[in-house]
Amino acid sequence: MIFGMYENIPSLKFCAMGSHNNLYNQIMYTMGGTICLVTIVTSFVVTYLCHRSLNLCIQIQLEQFETDGMYSALGVLECDYKEKQIKKVRRSFIYPLGTVVTLLVDMIFQYSWLFNDIPPVNLFVARDVMNSLNGIVTLICFSLDPAVWDSILLAFVKLKLKLNKTK
């Protein structure tokens, strides 16, 4: 077993990490909390770097659209399309926030094992609620995001252009 985790502990009524040695518990939960912390920091760094390179990515896409003749196929003007794309991409940076909020609660929960034998019940409830809401919020965001539907439309337009070129 990893660090003596998942030992046969009669007091546990569910499948969870646990050990008779409190030090093993602290090590394992500290590792979990650190993974959450690294993920949160990585999310912020990636979001920051993506915001910085946003205009370059949009410009590359616009040039590709111009060479492929996609503007006329979509029936849009270049300047309007650029503004819409920037808005869509900025909205897509909201997705990691749900994960960051969830991981923040989970990180607090994991690190609380350092100071308590068993964390407060409120932390168990908060962690479970946040983990449940994260999936639901992500589903709602993806289903309502116009970028998802526009990408489906764009795929059909590209497919139609390829089929027309082969004829």
N, C-alpha and C. Protein backbone atom coordinates (compact mmCIF):
# COMPACT_ATOMS: atom_id res chain seq x y z
N MET A 1 0.83 -1.19 0.00
CA MET A 1 0.00 0.00 0.00
C MET A 1 0.87 1.25 0.00
N ILE A 2 0.36 2.29 -0.62
CA ILE A 2 1.08 3.55 -0.70
C ILE A 2 1.04 4.23 0.66
N PHE A 3 2.19 4.40 1.27
CA PHE A 3 2.32 5.05 2.57
C PHE A 3 1.42 4.41 3.63
N GLY A 4 1.06 3.16 3.46
CA GLY A 4 0.19 2.51 4.43
C GLY A 4 -1.25 2.97 4.34
N MET A 5 -1.61 3.61 3.24
CA MET A 5 -2.98 4.09 3.06
C MET A 5 -3.90 2.92 2.73
N TYR A 6 -5.15 3.13 2.90
CA TYR A 6 -6.20 2.14 2.63
C TYR A 6 -6.01 0.89 3.49
N GLU A 7 -5.53 1.09 4.69
CA GLU A 7 -5.42 -0.05 5.60
C GLU A 7 -6.81 -0.42 6.09
N ASN A 8 -6.92 -1.58 6.65
CA ASN A 8 -8.20 -2.05 7.16
C ASN A 8 -8.50 -1.34 8.48
N ILE A 9 -9.30 -0.30 8.41
CA ILE A 9 -9.66 0.47 9.60
C ILE A 9 -11.14 0.25 9.86
N PRO A 10 -11.48 -0.46 10.92
CA PRO A 10 -12.89 -0.78 11.17
C PRO A 10 -13.77 0.45 11.38
N SER A 11 -13.21 1.56 11.86
CA SER A 11 -14.04 2.73 12.14
C SER A 11 -14.49 3.43 10.86
N LEU A 12 -13.79 3.21 9.74
CA LEU A 12 -14.20 3.80 8.47
C LEU A 12 -15.35 2.99 7.88
N LYS A 13 -16.43 3.64 7.56
CA LYS A 13 -17.60 2.97 7.01
C LYS A 13 -17.69 3.14 5.50
N PHE A 14 -16.67 3.71 4.89
CA PHE A 14 -16.67 3.95 3.46
C PHE A 14 -15.25 3.78 2.94
N CYS A 15 -15.11 3.71 1.63
CA CYS A 15 -13.80 3.54 1.02
C CYS A 15 -13.12 4.90 0.93
N ALA A 16 -12.20 5.13 1.80
CA ALA A 16 -11.46 6.39 1.80
C ALA A 16 -10.05 6.12 2.28
N MET A 17 -9.17 7.06 1.94
CA MET A 17 -7.81 6.91 2.41
C MET A 17 -7.81 6.98 3.93
N GLY A 18 -6.97 6.19 4.52
CA GLY A 18 -6.86 6.25 5.96
C GLY A 18 -5.79 5.32 6.45
N SER A 19 -5.25 5.64 7.59
CA SER A 19 -4.20 4.84 8.17
C SER A 19 -4.28 4.98 9.68
N HIS A 20 -3.74 4.01 10.37
CA HIS A 20 -3.67 4.12 11.82
C HIS A 20 -2.63 5.16 12.22
N ASN A 21 -1.70 5.42 11.35
CA ASN A 21 -0.64 6.38 11.62
C ASN A 21 -1.05 7.75 11.08
N ASN A 22 -1.20 8.72 11.97
CA ASN A 22 -1.66 10.06 11.56
C ASN A 22 -0.65 10.74 10.64
N LEU A 23 0.64 10.43 10.79
CA LEU A 23 1.65 11.02 9.92
C LEU A 23 1.42 10.61 8.47
N TYR A 24 1.04 9.36 8.24
CA TYR A 24 0.75 8.90 6.88
C TYR A 24 -0.43 9.67 6.29
N ASN A 25 -1.45 9.88 7.12
CA ASN A 25 -2.60 10.66 6.66
C ASN A 25 -2.17 12.08 6.27
N GLN A 26 -1.36 12.69 7.10
CA GLN A 26 -0.92 14.06 6.83
C GLN A 26 -0.09 14.13 5.55
N ILE A 27 0.78 13.15 5.34
CA ILE A 27 1.61 13.14 4.13
C ILE A 27 0.73 13.02 2.88
N MET A 28 -0.21 12.09 2.92
CA MET A 28 -1.05 11.85 1.74
C MET A 28 -1.94 13.05 1.42
N TYR A 29 -2.56 13.63 2.43
CA TYR A 29 -3.43 14.78 2.17
C TYR A 29 -2.63 16.03 1.81
N THR A 30 -1.41 16.15 2.32
CA THR A 30 -0.56 17.27 1.92
C THR A 30 -0.18 17.15 0.45
N MET A 31 0.09 15.94 0.00
CA MET A 31 0.38 15.73 -1.42
C MET A 31 -0.83 16.10 -2.27
N GLY A 32 -2.03 15.71 -1.84
CA GLY A 32 -3.24 16.05 -2.58
C GLY A 32 -3.48 17.55 -2.61
N GLY A 33 -3.27 18.23 -1.48
CA GLY A 33 -3.43 19.68 -1.43
C GLY A 33 -2.43 20.41 -2.29
N THR A 34 -1.21 19.88 -2.33
CA THR A 34 -0.17 20.49 -3.16
C THR A 34 -0.49 20.33 -4.64
N ILE A 35 -1.03 19.19 -5.02
CA ILE A 35 -1.44 18.99 -6.42
C ILE A 35 -2.54 19.99 -6.78
N CYS A 36 -3.49 20.21 -5.87
CA CYS A 36 -4.55 21.20 -6.11
C CYS A 36 -3.95 22.60 -6.26
N LEU A 37 -3.00 22.94 -5.39
CA LEU A 37 -2.37 24.26 -5.43
C LEU A 37 -1.62 24.47 -6.75
N VAL A 38 -0.87 23.46 -7.18
CA VAL A 38 -0.13 23.56 -8.45
C VAL A 38 -1.11 23.73 -9.61
N THR A 39 -2.23 23.01 -9.57
CA THR A 39 -3.22 23.12 -10.64
C THR A 39 -3.84 24.52 -10.68
N ILE A 40 -4.14 25.08 -9.52
CA ILE A 40 -4.71 26.43 -9.45
C ILE A 40 -3.73 27.45 -10.02
N VAL A 41 -2.48 27.38 -9.60
CA VAL A 41 -1.47 28.32 -10.09
C VAL A 41 -1.28 28.15 -11.60
N THR A 42 -1.25 26.91 -12.07
CA THR A 42 -1.10 26.65 -13.50
C THR A 42 -2.27 27.23 -14.29
N SER A 43 -3.48 27.11 -13.76
CA SER A 43 -4.66 27.67 -14.44
C SER A 43 -4.53 29.18 -14.61
N PHE A 44 -4.10 29.85 -13.55
CA PHE A 44 -3.94 31.30 -13.65
C PHE A 44 -2.83 31.69 -14.61
N VAL A 45 -1.72 30.98 -14.59
CA VAL A 45 -0.60 31.30 -15.49
C VAL A 45 -1.00 31.08 -16.94
N VAL A 46 -1.65 29.95 -17.22
CA VAL A 46 -2.06 29.67 -18.59
C VAL A 46 -3.09 30.69 -19.07
N THR A 47 -4.03 31.06 -18.22
CA THR A 47 -5.02 32.07 -18.59
C THR A 47 -4.34 33.40 -18.90
N TYR A 48 -3.38 33.78 -18.07
CA TYR A 48 -2.65 35.04 -18.30
C TYR A 48 -1.89 34.99 -19.62
N LEU A 49 -1.17 33.90 -19.86
CA LEU A 49 -0.40 33.79 -21.11
C LEU A 49 -1.31 33.76 -22.33
N CYS A 50 -2.45 33.11 -22.22
CA CYS A 50 -3.39 33.08 -23.34
C CYS A 50 -3.97 34.46 -23.63
N HIS A 51 -4.26 35.23 -22.60
CA HIS A 51 -4.74 36.59 -22.82
C HIS A 51 -3.69 37.42 -23.55
N ARG A 52 -2.42 37.22 -23.20
CA ARG A 52 -1.35 37.98 -23.85
C ARG A 52 -1.23 37.65 -25.33
N SER A 53 -1.42 36.39 -25.68
CA SER A 53 -1.23 35.99 -27.08
C SER A 53 -2.54 35.91 -27.85
N LEU A 54 -3.61 36.44 -27.29
CA LEU A 54 -4.92 36.36 -27.91
C LEU A 54 -4.95 37.01 -29.29
N ASN A 55 -4.45 38.24 -29.39
CA ASN A 55 -4.49 38.95 -30.68
C ASN A 55 -3.68 38.23 -31.75
N LEU A 56 -2.55 37.66 -31.38
CA LEU A 56 -1.73 36.94 -32.36
C LEU A 56 -2.49 35.73 -32.90
N CYS A 57 -3.14 34.99 -32.02
CA CYS A 57 -3.91 33.81 -32.46
C CYS A 57 -5.06 34.21 -33.38
N ILE A 58 -5.76 35.27 -33.03
CA ILE A 58 -6.88 35.75 -33.86
C ILE A 58 -6.35 36.19 -35.22
N GLN A 59 -5.21 36.89 -35.25
CA GLN A 59 -4.65 37.36 -36.52
C GLN A 59 -4.26 36.19 -37.42
N ILE A 60 -3.68 35.15 -36.83
CA ILE A 60 -3.31 33.96 -37.61
C ILE A 60 -4.56 33.31 -38.19
N GLN A 61 -5.62 33.22 -37.38
CA GLN A 61 -6.86 32.62 -37.86
C GLN A 61 -7.47 33.46 -38.98
N LEU A 62 -7.43 34.78 -38.83
CA LEU A 62 -7.98 35.66 -39.87
C LEU A 62 -7.24 35.50 -41.19
N GLU A 63 -5.92 35.40 -41.12
CA GLU A 63 -5.14 35.20 -42.34
C GLU A 63 -5.48 33.86 -42.99
N GLN A 64 -5.66 32.83 -42.18
CA GLN A 64 -6.02 31.52 -42.71
C GLN A 64 -7.40 31.56 -43.36
N PHE A 65 -8.33 32.28 -42.73
CA PHE A 65 -9.67 32.41 -43.30
C PHE A 65 -9.63 33.12 -44.64
N GLU A 66 -8.77 34.14 -44.72
CA GLU A 66 -8.68 34.91 -45.96
C GLU A 66 -8.15 34.04 -47.10
N THR A 67 -7.15 33.22 -46.82
CA THR A 67 -6.60 32.36 -47.87
C THR A 67 -7.56 31.24 -48.24
N ASP A 68 -8.37 30.78 -47.29
CA ASP A 68 -9.31 29.69 -47.57
C ASP A 68 -10.64 30.18 -48.15
N GLY A 69 -10.86 31.49 -48.15
CA GLY A 69 -12.12 32.03 -48.66
C GLY A 69 -13.29 31.79 -47.73
N MET A 70 -13.02 31.74 -46.43
CA MET A 70 -14.08 31.44 -45.47
C MET A 70 -15.01 32.62 -45.21
N TYR A 71 -14.51 33.86 -45.39
CA TYR A 71 -15.37 35.02 -45.13
C TYR A 71 -16.59 35.01 -46.04
N SER A 72 -16.35 34.77 -47.31
CA SER A 72 -17.48 34.76 -48.24
C SER A 72 -18.39 33.57 -47.97
N ALA A 73 -17.81 32.45 -47.55
CA ALA A 73 -18.64 31.27 -47.25
C ALA A 73 -19.50 31.50 -46.02
N LEU A 74 -18.95 32.23 -45.03
CA LEU A 74 -19.72 32.51 -43.82
C LEU A 74 -20.62 33.74 -43.98
N GLY A 75 -20.32 34.57 -44.96
CA GLY A 75 -21.12 35.77 -45.19
C GLY A 75 -20.91 36.84 -44.14
N VAL A 76 -19.66 37.02 -43.69
CA VAL A 76 -19.36 38.02 -42.67
C VAL A 76 -18.22 38.92 -43.15
N LEU A 77 -18.14 40.10 -42.54
CA LEU A 77 -17.04 41.02 -42.80
C LEU A 77 -15.88 40.69 -41.87
N GLU A 78 -14.67 41.01 -42.33
CA GLU A 78 -13.47 40.67 -41.55
C GLU A 78 -13.45 41.37 -40.19
N CYS A 79 -13.78 42.67 -40.15
CA CYS A 79 -13.71 43.42 -38.88
C CYS A 79 -14.75 42.92 -37.89
N ASP A 80 -15.97 42.62 -38.38
CA ASP A 80 -17.00 42.08 -37.49
C ASP A 80 -16.60 40.72 -36.95
N TYR A 81 -16.03 39.93 -37.81
CA TYR A 81 -15.63 38.58 -37.40
C TYR A 81 -14.55 38.64 -36.33
N LYS A 82 -13.59 39.57 -36.48
CA LYS A 82 -12.50 39.68 -35.51
C LYS A 82 -13.05 40.06 -34.13
N GLU A 83 -13.96 41.03 -34.08
CA GLU A 83 -14.55 41.44 -32.81
C GLU A 83 -15.31 40.29 -32.15
N LYS A 84 -16.09 39.56 -32.94
CA LYS A 84 -16.85 38.43 -32.39
C LYS A 84 -15.92 37.35 -31.86
N GLN A 85 -14.84 37.08 -32.58
CA GLN A 85 -13.90 36.04 -32.14
C GLN A 85 -13.23 36.41 -30.83
N ILE A 86 -12.83 37.67 -30.69
CA ILE A 86 -12.18 38.11 -29.46
C ILE A 86 -13.14 37.98 -28.29
N LYS A 87 -14.41 38.34 -28.47
CA LYS A 87 -15.40 38.19 -27.40
C LYS A 87 -15.59 36.72 -27.03
N LYS A 88 -15.64 35.85 -28.03
CA LYS A 88 -15.82 34.43 -27.76
C LYS A 88 -14.65 33.84 -27.00
N VAL A 89 -13.46 34.21 -27.42
CA VAL A 89 -12.28 33.66 -26.76
C VAL A 89 -12.18 34.18 -25.33
N ARG A 90 -12.49 35.43 -25.11
CA ARG A 90 -12.46 35.97 -23.74
C ARG A 90 -13.48 35.26 -22.86
N ARG A 91 -14.65 34.94 -23.42
CA ARG A 91 -15.65 34.20 -22.65
C ARG A 91 -15.16 32.80 -22.31
N SER A 92 -14.38 32.22 -23.19
CA SER A 92 -13.91 30.86 -22.94
C SER A 92 -12.91 30.80 -21.79
N PHE A 93 -12.30 31.93 -21.42
CA PHE A 93 -11.39 31.93 -20.28
C PHE A 93 -12.13 31.83 -18.95
N ILE A 94 -13.45 31.88 -18.98
CA ILE A 94 -14.24 31.76 -17.75
C ILE A 94 -14.31 30.30 -17.30
N TYR A 95 -14.18 29.36 -18.22
CA TYR A 95 -14.32 27.94 -17.88
C TYR A 95 -13.39 27.49 -16.75
N PRO A 96 -12.12 27.86 -16.76
CA PRO A 96 -11.25 27.38 -15.67
C PRO A 96 -11.62 27.92 -14.30
N LEU A 97 -12.40 28.99 -14.24
CA LEU A 97 -12.74 29.55 -12.93
C LEU A 97 -13.56 28.58 -12.08
N GLY A 98 -14.44 27.82 -12.70
CA GLY A 98 -15.20 26.82 -11.94
C GLY A 98 -14.29 25.78 -11.33
N THR A 99 -13.31 25.35 -12.08
CA THR A 99 -12.36 24.38 -11.57
C THR A 99 -11.51 24.98 -10.47
N VAL A 100 -11.09 26.23 -10.65
CA VAL A 100 -10.26 26.88 -9.63
C VAL A 100 -11.02 27.01 -8.32
N VAL A 101 -12.29 27.41 -8.38
CA VAL A 101 -13.09 27.55 -7.16
C VAL A 101 -13.25 26.19 -6.48
N THR A 102 -13.54 25.16 -7.26
CA THR A 102 -13.69 23.82 -6.69
C THR A 102 -12.39 23.34 -6.07
N LEU A 103 -11.30 23.52 -6.79
CA LEU A 103 -10.02 23.06 -6.26
C LEU A 103 -9.58 23.87 -5.05
N LEU A 104 -9.99 25.12 -4.97
CA LEU A 104 -9.66 25.93 -3.81
C LEU A 104 -10.27 25.33 -2.55
N VAL A 105 -11.54 24.96 -2.63
CA VAL A 105 -12.20 24.32 -1.48
C VAL A 105 -11.56 22.97 -1.18
N ASP A 106 -11.24 22.21 -2.22
CA ASP A 106 -10.61 20.91 -2.03
C ASP A 106 -9.22 21.06 -1.43
N MET A 107 -8.47 22.07 -1.85
CA MET A 107 -7.15 22.31 -1.30
C MET A 107 -7.22 22.65 0.19
N ILE A 108 -8.17 23.50 0.55
CA ILE A 108 -8.36 23.84 1.97
C ILE A 108 -8.71 22.59 2.75
N PHE A 109 -9.58 21.75 2.18
CA PHE A 109 -9.96 20.50 2.82
C PHE A 109 -8.74 19.60 3.02
N GLN A 110 -7.92 19.45 1.98
CA GLN A 110 -6.75 18.57 2.06
C GLN A 110 -5.75 19.08 3.10
N TYR A 111 -5.47 20.37 3.07
CA TYR A 111 -4.50 20.92 4.02
C TYR A 111 -5.03 20.95 5.45
N SER A 112 -6.34 20.92 5.62
CA SER A 112 -6.90 20.93 6.98
C SER A 112 -6.54 19.66 7.75
N TRP A 113 -6.19 18.59 7.02
CA TRP A 113 -5.77 17.36 7.69
C TRP A 113 -4.45 17.56 8.43
N LEU A 114 -3.69 18.58 8.08
CA LEU A 114 -2.43 18.85 8.79
C LEU A 114 -2.69 19.32 10.21
N PHE A 115 -3.81 19.99 10.42
CA PHE A 115 -4.07 20.63 11.70
C PHE A 115 -5.14 19.92 12.53
N ASN A 116 -5.87 19.01 11.92
CA ASN A 116 -6.95 18.31 12.61
C ASN A 116 -6.85 16.82 12.33
N ASP A 117 -7.31 16.02 13.27
CA ASP A 117 -7.39 14.59 13.00
C ASP A 117 -8.47 14.32 11.96
N ILE A 118 -9.57 15.03 12.08
CA ILE A 118 -10.66 14.96 11.10
C ILE A 118 -11.11 16.40 10.86
N PRO A 119 -11.16 16.83 9.59
CA PRO A 119 -11.60 18.21 9.31
C PRO A 119 -13.04 18.43 9.74
N PRO A 120 -13.43 19.69 9.92
CA PRO A 120 -14.81 19.98 10.28
C PRO A 120 -15.79 19.46 9.22
N VAL A 121 -16.97 19.11 9.68
CA VAL A 121 -18.00 18.56 8.78
C VAL A 121 -18.34 19.57 7.69
N ASN A 122 -18.29 20.86 8.02
CA ASN A 122 -18.61 21.89 7.02
C ASN A 122 -17.69 21.79 5.80
N LEU A 123 -16.43 21.44 6.01
CA LEU A 123 -15.51 21.30 4.88
C LEU A 123 -15.87 20.10 4.01
N PHE A 124 -16.32 19.01 4.64
CA PHE A 124 -16.76 17.85 3.85
C PHE A 124 -17.94 18.25 2.96
N VAL A 125 -18.89 18.95 3.56
CA VAL A 125 -20.09 19.37 2.82
C VAL A 125 -19.72 20.35 1.71
N ALA A 126 -18.90 21.35 2.03
CA ALA A 126 -18.51 22.34 1.02
C ALA A 126 -17.77 21.69 -0.14
N ARG A 127 -16.88 20.76 0.17
CA ARG A 127 -16.13 20.09 -0.90
C ARG A 127 -17.05 19.28 -1.79
N ASP A 128 -17.97 18.54 -1.20
CA ASP A 128 -18.89 17.73 -2.00
C ASP A 128 -19.82 18.59 -2.85
N VAL A 129 -20.31 19.68 -2.28
CA VAL A 129 -21.19 20.58 -3.03
C VAL A 129 -20.43 21.21 -4.20
N MET A 130 -19.22 21.69 -3.94
CA MET A 130 -18.44 22.34 -5.00
C MET A 130 -18.06 21.35 -6.09
N ASN A 131 -17.70 20.13 -5.72
CA ASN A 131 -17.37 19.13 -6.74
C ASN A 131 -18.58 18.79 -7.59
N SER A 132 -19.76 18.74 -6.98
CA SER A 132 -20.98 18.46 -7.74
C SER A 132 -21.35 19.62 -8.66
N LEU A 133 -21.26 20.83 -8.15
CA LEU A 133 -21.63 22.00 -8.95
C LEU A 133 -20.67 22.25 -10.10
N ASN A 134 -19.42 21.87 -9.95
CA ASN A 134 -18.44 22.12 -11.01
C ASN A 134 -18.85 21.44 -12.31
N GLY A 135 -19.25 20.21 -12.25
CA GLY A 135 -19.67 19.49 -13.45
C GLY A 135 -20.93 20.08 -14.06
N ILE A 136 -21.88 20.45 -13.23
CA ILE A 136 -23.13 21.01 -13.72
C ILE A 136 -22.90 22.38 -14.37
N VAL A 137 -22.10 23.22 -13.73
CA VAL A 137 -21.81 24.55 -14.28
C VAL A 137 -21.06 24.43 -15.60
N THR A 138 -20.11 23.51 -15.67
CA THR A 138 -19.37 23.31 -16.92
C THR A 138 -20.29 22.85 -18.04
N LEU A 139 -21.20 21.94 -17.74
CA LEU A 139 -22.16 21.47 -18.74
C LEU A 139 -23.02 22.62 -19.24
N ILE A 140 -23.52 23.44 -18.34
CA ILE A 140 -24.35 24.58 -18.73
C ILE A 140 -23.55 25.57 -19.57
N CYS A 141 -22.32 25.86 -19.15
CA CYS A 141 -21.48 26.80 -19.92
C CYS A 141 -21.22 26.30 -21.33
N PHE A 142 -20.89 25.02 -21.46
CA PHE A 142 -20.61 24.49 -22.79
C PHE A 142 -21.86 24.47 -23.66
N SER A 143 -23.00 24.13 -23.08
CA SER A 143 -24.20 24.04 -23.90
C SER A 143 -24.74 25.41 -24.31
N LEU A 144 -24.46 26.43 -23.52
CA LEU A 144 -24.94 27.78 -23.85
C LEU A 144 -23.90 28.64 -24.57
N ASP A 145 -22.68 28.15 -24.67
CA ASP A 145 -21.61 28.95 -25.28
C ASP A 145 -21.78 29.01 -26.80
N PRO A 146 -21.93 30.20 -27.35
CA PRO A 146 -22.08 30.30 -28.80
C PRO A 146 -20.84 29.85 -29.56
N ALA A 147 -19.68 29.88 -28.92
CA ALA A 147 -18.46 29.43 -29.60
C ALA A 147 -18.55 27.95 -29.95
N VAL A 148 -19.18 27.16 -29.09
CA VAL A 148 -19.35 25.73 -29.37
C VAL A 148 -20.22 25.55 -30.60
N TRP A 149 -21.34 26.26 -30.63
CA TRP A 149 -22.25 26.13 -31.76
C TRP A 149 -21.64 26.71 -33.03
N ASP A 150 -20.88 27.80 -32.91
CA ASP A 150 -20.21 28.37 -34.08
C ASP A 150 -19.14 27.43 -34.62
N SER A 151 -18.45 26.73 -33.74
CA SER A 151 -17.43 25.79 -34.22
C SER A 151 -18.07 24.62 -34.96
N ILE A 152 -19.25 24.21 -34.53
CA ILE A 152 -19.97 23.16 -35.26
C ILE A 152 -20.37 23.68 -36.64
N LEU A 153 -20.89 24.90 -36.70
CA LEU A 153 -21.24 25.52 -37.98
C LEU A 153 -20.01 25.65 -38.87
N LEU A 154 -18.90 26.08 -38.30
CA LEU A 154 -17.67 26.24 -39.07
C LEU A 154 -17.20 24.90 -39.64
N ALA A 155 -17.32 23.85 -38.87
CA ALA A 155 -16.93 22.53 -39.36
C ALA A 155 -17.78 22.12 -40.56
N PHE A 156 -19.08 22.39 -40.49
CA PHE A 156 -19.96 22.08 -41.62
C PHE A 156 -19.61 22.91 -42.85
N VAL A 157 -19.29 24.20 -42.64
CA VAL A 157 -18.93 25.07 -43.76
C VAL A 157 -17.65 24.57 -44.42
N LYS A 158 -16.65 24.22 -43.60
CA LYS A 158 -15.39 23.70 -44.16
C LYS A 158 -15.62 22.41 -44.93
N LEU A 159 -16.46 21.55 -44.38
CA LEU A 159 -16.76 20.29 -45.05
C LEU A 159 -17.46 20.55 -46.38
N LYS A 160 -18.39 21.51 -46.38
CA LYS A 160 -19.11 21.85 -47.60
C LYS A 160 -18.15 22.42 -48.65
N LEU A 161 -17.21 23.27 -48.23
CA LEU A 161 -16.23 23.83 -49.16
C LEU A 161 -15.35 22.73 -49.76
N LYS A 162 -14.93 21.79 -48.95
CA LYS A 162 -14.10 20.69 -49.45
C LYS A 162 -14.88 19.83 -50.43
N LEU A 163 -16.14 19.57 -50.13
CA LEU A 163 -16.96 18.77 -51.03
C LEU A 163 -17.18 19.49 -52.36
N ASN A 164 -17.37 20.81 -52.31
CA ASN A 164 -17.55 21.59 -53.54
C ASN A 164 -16.28 21.63 -54.39
N LYS A 165 -15.11 21.65 -53.74
CA LYS A 165 -13.84 21.68 -54.48
C LYS A 165 -13.56 20.35 -55.16
N THR A 166 -14.02 19.26 -54.56
CA THR A 166 -13.76 17.94 -55.15
C THR A 166 -14.66 17.66 -56.34
N LYS A 167 -15.78 18.36 -56.47
CA LYS A 167 -16.72 18.12 -57.58
C LYS A 167 -16.25 18.70 -58.86
